[in-house]
Protein backbone atom coordinates (compact mmCIF):
# COMPACT_ATOMS: atom_id res chain seq x y z
CA MET A 1 -10.24 -153.00 39.85
CA LYS A 2 -14.37 -153.59 39.16
CA LYS A 3 -14.21 -150.11 40.24
CA MET A 4 -11.88 -148.90 37.79
CA ILE A 5 -13.73 -151.06 34.77
CA LEU A 6 -17.60 -149.77 35.79
CA ILE A 7 -15.64 -145.88 35.99
CA ALA A 8 -14.37 -146.71 32.31
CA PHE A 9 -17.71 -148.17 30.97
CA VAL A 10 -19.98 -145.35 32.46
CA ALA A 11 -17.35 -142.80 30.57
CA LEU A 12 -17.75 -144.59 27.32
CA PHE A 13 -21.58 -145.28 27.59
CA SER A 14 -21.91 -141.29 28.43
CA ALA A 15 -19.60 -139.94 25.74
CA THR A 16 -21.66 -142.39 23.17
CA THR A 17 -24.77 -141.13 24.52
CA PHE A 18 -23.28 -137.31 24.09
CA ALA A 19 -22.32 -137.86 20.69
CA GLN A 20 -25.32 -139.35 19.33
CA ASN A 21 -27.53 -136.33 21.12
CA THR A 22 -25.25 -133.86 19.37
CA LYS A 23 -26.53 -132.16 16.45
CA VAL A 24 -23.97 -129.32 15.33
CA GLY A 25 -24.92 -126.49 12.76
CA THR A 26 -23.27 -123.31 11.51
CA VAL A 27 -24.49 -119.57 10.88
CA ASN A 28 -22.82 -117.20 9.42
CA VAL A 29 -23.32 -114.08 11.72
CA ASP A 30 -21.02 -111.38 9.68
CA TYR A 31 -23.13 -112.06 6.46
CA THR A 32 -26.29 -112.01 8.37
CA LEU A 33 -25.44 -108.59 9.67
CA SER A 34 -24.97 -107.50 6.37
CA GLN A 35 -28.34 -108.55 5.40
CA MET A 36 -30.17 -106.69 8.09
CA PRO A 37 -31.75 -103.41 6.98
CA GLU A 38 -31.28 -102.18 10.56
CA LEU A 39 -27.59 -102.11 9.57
CA VAL A 40 -27.93 -98.70 7.24
CA THR A 41 -29.32 -96.96 9.70
CA ALA A 42 -26.26 -98.04 12.16
CA GLN A 43 -23.95 -97.15 9.77
CA ASP A 44 -25.49 -93.69 9.25
CA ALA A 45 -25.33 -92.72 12.56
CA LEU A 46 -21.33 -93.69 12.80
CA LYS A 47 -20.91 -91.82 9.83
CA VAL A 48 -22.85 -88.94 11.46
CA TYR A 49 -20.67 -89.49 14.73
CA ASN A 50 -17.32 -89.66 12.60
CA GLN A 51 -18.06 -86.33 10.88
CA ASP A 52 -19.01 -84.64 14.56
CA LEU A 53 -15.42 -85.80 15.36
CA GLU A 54 -13.79 -84.46 12.61
CA LYS A 55 -15.94 -81.38 13.36
CA GLN A 56 -14.42 -81.12 16.75
CA LEU A 57 -10.98 -81.53 15.88
CA ALA A 58 -11.36 -78.84 13.24
CA GLU A 59 -12.43 -76.60 15.94
CA LYS A 60 -9.81 -77.57 18.12
CA LEU A 61 -7.53 -76.77 15.19
CA ALA A 62 -8.68 -73.56 14.53
CA ASN A 63 -8.32 -72.74 18.18
CA TYR A 64 -4.69 -73.60 17.69
CA ASP A 65 -4.07 -71.23 15.11
CA LYS A 66 -5.60 -68.48 16.44
CA VAL A 67 -4.10 -68.82 19.52
CA TYR A 68 -0.53 -69.44 17.72
CA LYS A 69 -1.14 -66.54 15.50
CA ALA A 70 -2.03 -64.26 18.30
CA ALA A 71 0.94 -65.32 20.33
CA GLU A 72 3.43 -64.96 17.09
CA THR A 73 1.88 -61.48 16.48
CA GLY A 74 2.76 -60.07 20.24
CA PHE A 75 5.63 -62.09 21.11
CA ALA A 76 8.32 -59.47 20.47
CA ALA A 77 6.30 -57.18 23.05
CA MET A 78 5.50 -60.16 25.69
CA THR A 79 7.58 -60.25 29.02
CA ASP A 80 9.56 -63.48 29.87
CA ALA A 81 6.53 -64.77 31.80
CA GLU A 82 3.97 -63.57 29.06
CA LYS A 83 5.95 -65.47 26.76
CA GLN A 84 6.28 -68.81 29.26
CA ALA A 85 2.74 -68.82 29.64
CA LYS A 86 1.50 -68.62 26.03
CA GLN A 87 4.18 -71.35 25.30
CA GLU A 88 2.31 -73.63 28.07
CA GLU A 89 -0.79 -73.02 26.61
CA LEU A 90 0.02 -73.89 23.30
CA ALA A 91 1.80 -76.81 24.38
CA GLY A 92 -1.48 -77.79 26.33
CA LEU A 93 -3.58 -77.35 23.24
CA GLU A 94 -1.10 -79.48 21.35
CA SER A 95 -1.32 -82.11 23.83
CA ASP A 96 -5.10 -81.85 23.69
CA ILE A 97 -5.24 -82.12 19.64
CA THR A 98 -2.75 -85.30 20.08
CA LYS A 99 -4.87 -86.67 22.67
CA PHE A 100 -7.84 -86.37 20.50
CA ARG A 101 -6.34 -87.75 17.52
CA ASN A 102 -5.16 -90.89 19.04
CA ASN A 103 -8.31 -91.62 21.26
CA GLY A 104 -10.72 -90.98 17.89
CA THR A 105 -10.26 -94.39 16.45
CA GLN A 106 -10.85 -95.96 19.78
CA LEU A 107 -14.20 -93.46 20.67
CA VAL A 108 -15.39 -94.60 16.63
CA GLN A 109 -14.93 -98.48 17.72
CA LEU A 110 -16.97 -97.89 20.90
CA LYS A 111 -19.77 -96.35 19.11
CA GLN A 112 -19.73 -98.85 16.30
CA ASP A 113 -19.76 -101.83 19.36
CA GLU A 114 -22.79 -99.82 20.73
CA LEU A 115 -24.48 -99.44 17.56
CA LEU A 116 -24.08 -103.03 16.45
CA GLN A 117 -24.94 -104.78 20.04
CA PRO A 118 -28.22 -104.62 19.69
CA LEU A 119 -28.41 -106.03 16.04
CA TYR A 120 -26.05 -108.76 17.26
CA LYS A 121 -28.36 -109.66 20.01
CA LYS A 122 -31.17 -109.98 17.54
CA ILE A 123 -29.12 -112.31 15.63
CA GLY A 124 -28.14 -114.10 18.59
CA GLU A 125 -31.99 -114.51 19.70
CA ASN A 126 -32.80 -115.41 16.02
CA VAL A 127 -30.15 -118.39 16.13
CA THR A 128 -31.41 -119.63 19.33
CA VAL A 129 -34.83 -119.90 17.98
CA VAL A 130 -33.72 -121.52 14.73
CA ALA A 131 -31.55 -123.71 16.57
CA LYS A 132 -34.03 -125.25 19.33
CA GLU A 133 -36.54 -125.34 16.16
CA LEU A 134 -34.23 -127.66 13.91
CA GLY A 135 -33.02 -129.60 17.25
CA TYR A 136 -29.39 -128.37 16.96
CA THR A 137 -27.37 -128.58 20.25
CA GLN A 138 -24.51 -126.33 19.10
CA VAL A 139 -24.21 -123.64 16.57
CA LEU A 140 -20.90 -122.53 15.02
CA ASN A 141 -20.09 -119.07 13.58
CA ILE A 142 -18.48 -119.43 10.24
CA GLY A 143 -18.24 -115.55 9.43
CA ASN A 144 -15.03 -113.91 8.15
CA ASN A 145 -12.79 -115.60 11.54
CA ASN A 146 -13.88 -118.90 10.14
CA ASN A 147 -11.38 -121.56 11.96
CA LEU A 148 -13.26 -124.62 10.75
CA ALA A 149 -11.43 -127.08 8.10
CA PHE A 150 -14.91 -128.39 6.90
CA ALA A 151 -18.20 -127.20 7.75
CA ASP A 152 -20.83 -129.43 5.47
CA PRO A 153 -23.56 -126.31 4.05
CA ALA A 154 -26.40 -128.68 4.73
CA PHE A 155 -25.94 -127.60 8.35
CA ASP A 156 -26.12 -123.84 7.60
CA ILE A 157 -28.70 -122.24 9.17
CA THR A 158 -27.90 -118.62 7.79
CA ILE A 159 -30.68 -118.83 5.56
CA GLN A 160 -33.60 -119.74 8.21
CA VAL A 161 -31.80 -117.20 10.47
CA LEU A 162 -32.42 -114.31 8.35
CA ALA A 163 -36.12 -116.01 7.45
CA LYS A 164 -36.82 -115.64 11.09
CA MET A 165 -35.79 -112.17 11.37
CA GLY A 166 -38.24 -111.49 7.96
CA ILE A 167 -35.17 -110.86 5.75
CA THR A 168 -35.34 -112.70 2.37
CA VAL A 169 -31.99 -112.90 0.06
CA LYS A 170 -31.55 -114.68 -3.21
CA GLN A 171 -29.92 -118.17 -2.68
CA GLU A 172 -26.90 -118.69 -5.19
């Protein structure tokens, strides 16, 4: 019985001590990202990548049209084996185009993630520095997917993180 009381007392004391040493702040990572000048460079690179994918698709479609028109023109003179081979070639080209279209969105998303990764890393590093400077033990992201019921703006370190990165914004 004494052991149970001792364990309960230690747990209660530990919880009280932990609660007294906790300082929670917030940061809006999405807003911070939107204020970074490097974002424009990443967006431009993504736009170029997207245009390159569109160009590749246009080339695939042009090649398909060329093969299709050539097959259509000579289809009557072809043997059954040649017709079969041409149909298989066209089916392969159609399949390639379909796969390319389906994978295009995923390719763009992967490229976006690759381009934004260094920016998020920079934000994370600066959040860590600011949080330590201000004595926060935890910092929660209150970006677009904010699931908090309430967050006191007095504990928002977004502006300090931007300042640490050398970015000044007008406060509203």
